[in-house]
Protein backbone atom coordinates (compact mmCIF):
# COMPACT_ATOMS: atom_id res chain seq x y z
CA UNK A 1 -0.17 -0.45 0.23
CA UNK A 2 0.57 3.30 -0.67
CA UNK A 3 1.68 5.54 2.71
CA UNK A 4 -2.06 7.61 1.98
CA UNK A 5 -3.60 3.55 1.57
CA UNK A 6 -2.26 3.01 4.78
CA UNK A 7 -3.75 6.56 6.01
CA UNK A 8 -6.60 6.05 4.69
CA UNK A 9 -7.05 1.89 5.97
CA UNK A 10 -5.43 3.04 9.53
CA UNK A 11 -8.51 5.55 9.81
CA UNK A 12 -10.61 2.20 10.15
CA UNK A 13 -8.32 0.00 11.80
CA UNK A 14 -8.36 2.05 14.65
CA UNK A 15 -9.71 0.08 18.09
CA UNK A 16 -11.69 2.99 20.20
CA UNK A 17 -13.10 0.42 22.98
CA UNK A 18 -11.01 -2.76 23.31
CA UNK A 19 -13.86 -4.48 25.41
CA UNK A 20 -15.80 -2.95 23.28
CA UNK A 21 -14.24 -4.63 20.36
CA UNK A 22 -14.01 -8.21 22.47
CA UNK A 23 -18.26 -7.50 22.04
CA UNK A 24 -18.29 -7.27 18.55
CA UNK A 25 -16.09 -10.13 18.11
CA UNK A 26 -17.93 -12.42 20.21
CA UNK A 27 -21.38 -11.42 18.41
CA UNK A 28 -20.01 -11.88 14.94
CA UNK A 29 -19.15 -15.69 16.03
CA UNK A 30 -22.51 -15.84 17.21
CA UNK A 31 -23.45 -14.89 13.60
CA UNK A 32 -21.15 -16.29 11.23
CA UNK A 33 -22.84 -20.10 11.22
CA UNK A 34 -25.92 -18.53 10.36
CA UNK A 35 -24.77 -16.30 7.49
CA UNK A 36 -22.64 -19.21 6.20
CA UNK A 37 -26.19 -21.40 6.45
CA UNK A 38 -28.10 -18.58 4.47
CA UNK A 39 -25.24 -18.65 1.98
CA UNK A 40 -25.30 -22.78 1.43
CA UNK A 41 -28.97 -22.46 0.88
CA UNK A 42 -28.82 -19.55 -1.51
CA UNK A 43 -25.59 -21.92 -3.44
CA UNK A 44 -28.36 -24.93 -3.47
CA UNK A 45 -31.21 -22.19 -4.21
CA UNK A 46 -30.71 -19.15 -5.73
CA UNK A 47 -34.51 -17.57 -5.84
CA UNK A 48 -34.89 -19.04 -1.33
CA UNK A 49 -36.19 -15.54 -0.78
CA UNK A 50 -36.67 -16.74 3.19
CA UNK A 51 -32.55 -16.90 2.98
CA UNK A 52 -31.93 -13.81 1.51
CA UNK A 53 -34.25 -11.78 4.03
CA UNK A 54 -32.62 -14.16 6.75
CA UNK A 55 -28.91 -13.45 5.03
CA UNK A 56 -29.79 -9.65 5.07
CA UNK A 57 -31.36 -8.90 9.01
CA UNK A 58 -27.78 -11.82 9.78
CA UNK A 59 -25.03 -8.80 8.06
CA UNK A 60 -27.22 -6.32 9.19
CA UNK A 61 -27.29 -6.94 12.94
CA UNK A 62 -22.93 -7.43 12.15
CA UNK A 63 -23.55 -3.83 10.77
CA UNK A 64 -25.44 -1.89 13.43
CA UNK A 65 -23.53 -4.04 16.20
CA UNK A 66 -19.67 -2.98 14.48
CA UNK A 67 -21.28 0.41 14.54
CA UNK A 68 -22.31 0.13 18.52
CA UNK A 69 -18.85 -1.32 19.17
CA UNK A 70 -17.28 1.47 17.27
CA UNK A 71 -15.63 -0.57 14.99
CA UNK A 72 -15.51 1.48 11.62
CA UNK A 73 -14.10 -1.61 9.25
CA UNK A 74 -16.39 -3.48 10.49
CA UNK A 75 -19.15 -0.81 9.02
CA UNK A 76 -16.72 -0.40 6.01
CA UNK A 77 -16.82 -4.07 4.77
CA UNK A 78 -20.18 -5.05 5.08
CA UNK A 79 -22.20 -1.59 4.15
CA UNK A 80 -21.87 -2.52 0.41
CA UNK A 81 -22.33 -6.40 1.12
CA UNK A 82 -25.42 -5.35 2.56
CA UNK A 83 -26.50 -3.03 -0.14
CA UNK A 84 -26.18 -5.33 -2.87
CA UNK A 85 -28.36 -7.74 -0.20
CA UNK A 86 -30.68 -5.24 -0.88
CA UNK A 87 -30.88 -5.84 -4.57
CA UNK A 88 -30.86 -8.97 -4.24
CA UNK A 89 -33.76 -9.04 -2.43
CA UNK A 90 -35.79 -6.73 -4.09
CA UNK A 91 -34.71 -8.89 -8.03
CA UNK A 92 -32.32 -6.62 -9.00
CA UNK A 93 -29.36 -9.12 -8.73
CA UNK A 94 -28.98 -12.77 -9.66
CA UNK A 95 -26.96 -14.69 -6.38
CA UNK A 96 -24.57 -17.02 -8.04
CA UNK A 97 -21.09 -18.67 -6.60
CA UNK A 98 -19.06 -16.16 -7.09
CA UNK A 99 -21.25 -13.67 -5.35
CA UNK A 100 -21.06 -16.28 -2.27
CA UNK A 101 -17.32 -16.82 -2.04
CA UNK A 102 -17.21 -13.05 -2.39
CA UNK A 103 -19.32 -12.70 0.40
CA UNK A 104 -17.93 -14.90 2.54
CA UNK A 105 -14.61 -14.25 1.89
CA UNK A 106 -15.16 -10.73 2.65
CA UNK A 107 -16.55 -12.02 6.60
CA UNK A 108 -13.96 -14.22 6.79
CA UNK A 109 -11.16 -11.45 6.36
CA UNK A 110 -13.36 -9.48 8.79
CA UNK A 111 -12.96 -12.11 11.70
CA UNK A 112 -9.35 -12.48 10.86
CA UNK A 113 -8.89 -8.28 11.21
CA UNK A 114 -10.72 -8.55 14.75
CA UNK A 115 -8.80 -11.66 16.31
CA UNK A 116 -5.08 -9.39 14.69
CA UNK A 117 -6.31 -6.22 16.41
CA UNK A 118 -7.00 -7.91 20.06
CA UNK A 119 -3.37 -10.18 19.88
CA UNK A 120 -1.96 -7.03 18.51
CA UNK A 121 -0.72 -9.33 15.37
CA UNK A 122 -0.21 -7.25 12.06
CA UNK A 123 -3.09 -7.01 9.67
CA UNK A 124 -0.69 -6.82 6.21
CA UNK A 125 -0.84 -10.33 5.42
CA UNK A 126 -5.10 -9.97 5.15
CA UNK A 127 -4.88 -7.38 2.27
CA UNK A 128 -7.91 -5.44 3.36
CA UNK A 129 -6.70 -2.71 0.90
CA UNK A 130 -7.73 -4.66 -1.69
CA UNK A 131 -10.80 -5.92 0.04
CA UNK A 132 -12.19 -2.82 0.46
CA UNK A 133 -11.40 -1.66 -3.32
CA UNK A 134 -13.07 -5.00 -4.17
CA UNK A 135 -16.37 -4.50 -2.60
CA UNK A 136 -16.63 -1.11 -3.81
CA UNK A 137 -16.18 -2.37 -7.43
CA UNK A 138 -18.83 -4.90 -6.51
CA UNK A 139 -20.65 -2.76 -5.06
CA UNK A 140 -20.99 -0.67 -7.44
CA UNK A 141 -21.30 -3.60 -10.53
CA UNK A 142 -24.09 -3.66 -12.65
CA UNK A 143 -25.37 -7.36 -13.42
CA UNK A 144 -23.59 -8.33 -15.93
CA UNK A 145 -20.00 -7.33 -14.49
CA UNK A 146 -20.93 -8.73 -11.03
CA UNK A 147 -18.75 -11.93 -11.29
CA UNK A 148 -15.80 -10.45 -13.32
CA UNK A 149 -15.98 -8.03 -10.05
CA UNK A 150 -16.48 -11.31 -7.60
CA UNK A 151 -13.20 -12.88 -9.29
CA UNK A 152 -10.66 -9.89 -8.96
CA UNK A 153 -12.06 -9.04 -5.51
CA UNK A 154 -10.88 -12.64 -4.30
CA UNK A 155 -7.54 -13.56 -6.63
CA UNK A 156 -6.69 -9.19 -5.55
CA UNK A 157 -6.75 -10.76 -1.92
CA UNK A 158 -5.71 -14.59 -2.34
CA UNK A 159 -3.91 -14.89 -5.34
CA UNK A 160 -5.66 -17.61 -5.80
CA UNK A 161 -8.31 -17.78 -8.39
CA UNK A 162 -12.09 -18.65 -6.86
CA UNK A 163 -13.24 -22.43 -6.90
CA UNK A 164 -16.72 -20.75 -8.59
CA UNK A 165 -14.75 -19.14 -12.17
CA UNK A 166 -12.85 -22.45 -12.64
CA UNK A 167 -16.46 -23.38 -13.65
CA UNK A 168 -17.08 -20.53 -15.78
CA UNK A 169 -15.57 -22.02 -18.67
CA UNK A 170 -17.12 -21.90 -22.18
CA UNK A 171 -20.16 -24.01 -22.15
CA UNK A 172 -19.40 -27.54 -23.00
CA UNK A 173 -21.82 -30.11 -24.11
CA UNK A 174 -22.29 -33.74 -24.31
CA UNK A 175 -22.85 -35.94 -27.06
CA UNK A 176 -26.57 -35.55 -26.26
CA UNK A 177 -26.17 -31.83 -25.33
CA UNK A 178 -25.67 -31.68 -21.59
CA UNK A 179 -24.26 -28.64 -20.41
CA UNK A 180 -20.95 -29.57 -18.63
CA UNK A 181 -20.98 -26.84 -16.28
CA UNK A 182 -24.67 -28.01 -15.17
CA UNK A 183 -23.23 -31.17 -13.70
CA UNK A 184 -20.14 -29.10 -12.31
CA UNK A 185 -22.38 -27.50 -10.17
CA UNK A 186 -24.86 -30.22 -8.75
CA UNK A 187 -20.99 -31.94 -8.25
CA UNK A 188 -19.86 -28.76 -6.13
CA UNK A 189 -23.57 -28.95 -4.65
CA UNK A 190 -22.62 -32.57 -3.63
CA UNK A 191 -19.16 -32.34 -2.15
CA UNK A 192 -20.29 -29.43 0.08
CA UNK A 193 -23.35 -32.08 1.36
CA UNK A 194 -20.27 -33.76 1.91
CA UNK A 195 -18.77 -30.83 3.71
CA UNK A 196 -21.52 -30.38 6.41
CA UNK A 197 -20.80 -34.12 7.44
CA UNK A 198 -18.17 -33.31 9.74
CA UNK A 199 -16.56 -29.33 11.08
CA UNK A 200 -12.62 -30.92 9.70
CA UNK A 201 -14.12 -30.71 5.92
CA UNK A 202 -15.38 -27.42 6.21
CA UNK A 203 -13.51 -25.84 2.57
CA UNK A 204 -11.74 -29.15 1.94
CA UNK A 205 -13.70 -28.89 -1.38
CA UNK A 206 -12.23 -25.27 -2.26
CA UNK A 207 -8.66 -26.28 -0.38
CA UNK A 208 -8.50 -29.21 -2.88
CA UNK A 209 -9.55 -27.74 -6.09
CA UNK A 210 -6.90 -25.11 -5.60
CA UNK A 211 -3.69 -27.15 -5.30
CA UNK A 212 -4.64 -29.76 -8.10
CA UNK A 213 -6.01 -27.23 -10.93
CA UNK A 214 -2.70 -25.46 -9.98
CA UNK A 215 -0.14 -28.81 -9.85
CA UNK A 216 -2.34 -29.19 -13.18
CA UNK A 217 -0.82 -25.96 -14.05
CA UNK A 218 2.61 -25.86 -12.84
CA UNK A 219 2.57 -29.14 -15.39
CA UNK A 220 1.14 -27.73 -18.49
CA UNK A 221 -1.86 -29.11 -17.91
CA UNK A 222 -1.54 -32.46 -19.51
CA UNK A 223 -5.10 -33.02 -17.50
CA UNK A 224 -8.61 -32.29 -18.74
CA UNK A 225 -9.40 -29.21 -16.00
CA UNK A 226 -12.77 -29.55 -15.90
CA UNK A 227 -12.41 -33.50 -15.88
CA UNK A 228 -10.02 -32.83 -13.28
CA UNK A 229 -12.65 -30.25 -10.89
CA UNK A 230 -15.75 -33.00 -11.75
CA UNK A 231 -13.05 -35.33 -10.19
CA UNK A 232 -11.86 -33.22 -6.95
CA UNK A 233 -15.53 -32.61 -6.25
CA UNK A 234 -16.40 -36.30 -6.21
CA UNK A 235 -13.75 -38.21 -5.26
CA UNK A 236 -15.36 -38.82 -2.18
CA UNK A 237 -18.62 -39.06 -2.23
CA UNK A 238 -18.39 -42.10 -1.80
CA UNK A 239 -17.78 -41.93 1.60
CA UNK A 240 -21.84 -41.07 2.03
CA UNK A 241 -22.80 -44.77 1.10
CA UNK A 242 -20.44 -45.71 4.35
CA UNK A 243 -22.11 -45.58 8.04
CA UNK A 244 -20.59 -42.77 9.02
CA UNK A 245 -19.12 -44.91 12.29
CA UNK A 246 -16.65 -45.84 9.62
CA UNK A 247 -15.52 -43.14 7.83
CA UNK A 248 -16.01 -40.31 11.22
CA UNK A 249 -14.24 -43.10 13.06
CA UNK A 250 -11.83 -41.60 14.86
CA UNK A 251 -8.60 -44.24 15.77
CA UNK A 252 -8.10 -47.52 14.74
CA UNK A 253 -9.84 -49.06 11.87
CA UNK A 254 -11.21 -52.82 12.69
CA UNK A 255 -10.20 -55.03 9.66
CA UNK A 256 -13.97 -55.53 8.41
CA UNK A 257 -14.22 -51.46 9.05
CA UNK A 258 -10.91 -50.96 6.24
CA UNK A 259 -12.61 -53.40 3.71
CA UNK A 260 -15.86 -50.94 3.97
CA UNK A 261 -13.64 -48.05 3.70
CA UNK A 262 -11.77 -48.99 0.95
CA UNK A 263 -15.23 -49.49 -1.41
CA UNK A 264 -15.79 -45.87 -1.43
CA UNK A 265 -13.72 -45.00 -4.89
CA UNK A 266 -15.66 -47.82 -6.33
CA UNK A 267 -19.58 -46.13 -5.25
CA UNK A 268 -18.25 -42.34 -6.18
CA UNK A 269 -16.42 -43.77 -9.65
CA UNK A 270 -20.23 -45.92 -10.38
CA UNK A 271 -22.12 -42.65 -10.04
CA UNK A 272 -19.50 -40.51 -12.22
CA UNK A 273 -19.32 -43.08 -14.66
CA UNK A 274 -23.32 -43.53 -15.52
CA UNK A 275 -23.02 -39.78 -16.03
CA UNK A 276 -22.50 -39.13 -20.05
CA UNK A 277 -19.24 -37.15 -21.01
CA UNK A 278 -17.45 -37.79 -17.58
CA UNK A 279 -15.81 -41.08 -18.11
CA UNK A 280 -12.42 -39.94 -17.86
CA UNK A 281 -12.99 -38.20 -14.29
CA UNK A 282 -14.57 -41.94 -13.10
CA UNK A 283 -11.35 -43.15 -14.12
CA UNK A 284 -9.44 -40.46 -11.90
CA UNK A 285 -11.69 -40.89 -8.97
CA UNK A 286 -11.91 -44.68 -9.26
CA UNK A 287 -7.68 -44.86 -8.77
CA UNK A 288 -7.18 -42.46 -6.26
CA UNK A 289 -6.04 -44.48 -3.46
CA UNK A 290 -3.55 -46.89 -5.90
CA UNK A 291 -0.38 -46.44 -5.09
CA UNK A 292 2.80 -46.11 -8.12
CA UNK A 293 4.14 -49.59 -5.76
CA UNK A 294 0.79 -51.37 -6.80
CA UNK A 295 0.32 -50.92 -2.23
CA UNK A 296 -3.03 -49.04 -2.89
CA UNK A 297 -6.69 -50.25 -3.59
CA UNK A 298 -9.10 -51.04 -5.30
CA UNK A 299 -7.35 -52.55 -7.68
CA UNK A 300 -3.04 -52.60 -6.28
CA UNK A 301 -2.15 -50.49 -9.54
CA UNK A 302 1.01 -49.76 -10.23
CA UNK A 303 2.38 -46.14 -11.53
CA UNK A 304 2.30 -46.59 -15.36
CA UNK A 305 -1.35 -48.18 -14.67
CA UNK A 306 -2.98 -44.98 -13.06
CA UNK A 307 -3.82 -41.88 -14.42
CA UNK A 308 -2.34 -38.56 -14.12
CA UNK A 309 -5.63 -37.11 -12.78
CA UNK A 310 -5.47 -39.93 -10.46
CA UNK A 311 -2.15 -39.22 -9.19
CA UNK A 312 -2.94 -35.63 -8.12
CA UNK A 313 -5.77 -36.73 -6.50
CA UNK A 314 -3.35 -38.43 -4.31
CA UNK A 315 -0.74 -36.62 -3.58
CA UNK A 316 -3.40 -33.33 -2.41
CA UNK A 317 -5.94 -35.43 -0.73
CA UNK A 318 -2.86 -37.16 1.39
CA UNK A 319 -1.64 -33.51 1.78
CA UNK A 320 -5.25 -32.27 3.36
CA UNK A 321 -5.41 -35.32 5.88
CA UNK A 322 -1.98 -34.91 6.82
CA UNK A 323 -2.09 -31.14 7.61
CA UNK A 324 -5.19 -31.81 9.32
CA UNK A 325 -3.33 -34.26 11.45
CA UNK A 326 -0.93 -31.01 11.96
CA UNK A 327 -3.34 -28.12 12.74
CA UNK A 328 -2.20 -28.28 16.55
CA UNK A 329 0.73 -26.85 15.39
CA UNK A 330 -0.08 -23.93 13.05
CA UNK A 331 -0.81 -23.34 10.11
CA UNK A 332 2.60 -22.31 8.84
CA UNK A 333 4.31 -25.63 10.53
CA UNK A 334 1.58 -28.13 9.69
CA UNK A 335 1.96 -27.22 6.40
CA UNK A 336 5.59 -27.45 6.24
CA UNK A 337 5.34 -31.01 8.22
CA UNK A 338 2.71 -32.08 5.64
CA UNK A 339 4.89 -31.44 2.54
CA UNK A 340 7.69 -33.19 4.42
CA UNK A 341 5.70 -36.54 4.98
CA UNK A 342 4.54 -36.11 1.16
CA UNK A 343 7.84 -35.92 0.02
CA UNK A 344 8.39 -38.59 2.14
CA UNK A 345 6.06 -41.36 0.80
CA UNK A 346 8.05 -41.42 -3.01
CA UNK A 347 6.51 -44.69 -3.18
CA UNK A 348 3.22 -43.98 -2.96
CA UNK A 349 3.32 -40.77 -4.99
CA UNK A 350 4.74 -40.20 -8.32
CA UNK A 351 7.19 -38.37 -8.27
CA UNK A 352 7.16 -36.29 -11.21
CA UNK A 353 3.71 -35.16 -9.80
CA UNK A 354 5.07 -34.44 -6.52
CA UNK A 355 7.89 -32.19 -8.06
CA UNK A 356 4.75 -29.92 -9.74
CA UNK A 357 3.34 -29.79 -6.26
CA UNK A 358 6.09 -28.81 -4.36
CA UNK A 359 6.67 -26.05 -6.50
CA UNK A 360 3.33 -24.98 -5.98
CA UNK A 361 2.92 -25.07 -2.18
CA UNK A 362 6.36 -22.91 -2.48
CA UNK A 363 4.69 -20.26 -3.91
CA UNK A 364 1.61 -20.81 -1.59
CA UNK A 365 4.42 -20.32 1.12
CA UNK A 366 6.49 -17.55 -0.73
CA UNK A 367 2.94 -15.58 -0.96
């Protein structure tokens, strides 16, 4: 930021009263779950007027609490979103997945900013300057330019292309004329349903998709990005056909439970294979637990028998699991520990794809 920008932002991030800011944090935490629930409802049904009304009320409450607690950043972030919701409520704006991501990102940054201020940490990494500028552009956008403004906001703040944007490719159809973008939205909805089964899964699909797409890009896109996206969304959907007592179990699995768990790639692949035009994704899903040394499941395939997309899925899926396992170490340390474990498993994963994956992670760490 320039010196002027820093002064401009500083006027919004001053702590007028620490106790009041703590009260605002508690209020924001109370409202966060309701907000995310209403956004999820609108993802599934953009015309759900009850969810629009509930989302507006929750956001209006947050804005009012910020004003009462004299926390100007809270007012500054929520005001443009509130304006967008007024247009949505009046039918002058369509609710899209990209708008949903932009709203959730803004509220997430608000939560992080409050925690940083209360703990004395720097706000620089939150890119609040880019967030406020992006919200202003979003508020001023017409319906046609809304998604473009949302993408610019999200990329400006996070450095990553938003998940929903990757589905906004030129319309592609199957032999029967079915739009693949519609299928992708359906696949994403299924993945979001899976995420609701455990707090540990929250945001999992987005994290995995970004890693998969970035790793494929590093390699020159040898895997069809659309098929890879579908595979990311669906690779673990087979878990939902199993008893939750098995796939959410904490601790060692019994032999019978392990055999049940190993059936999930087949369930998901069978579902995808029945849909016209998704055979490549189905193969990736079926093979994502195979290992290059042949010790994987369900078929014990070896390196040359496993498709590249499945090799990507195997790495990012394991990375996510190891990162969660070490999350108590803090974000930076858990990430580094996960990278170390993945690279130590050279007989489990493709060395070629680990190299591309390492480049992606290195870029994330440097950023």
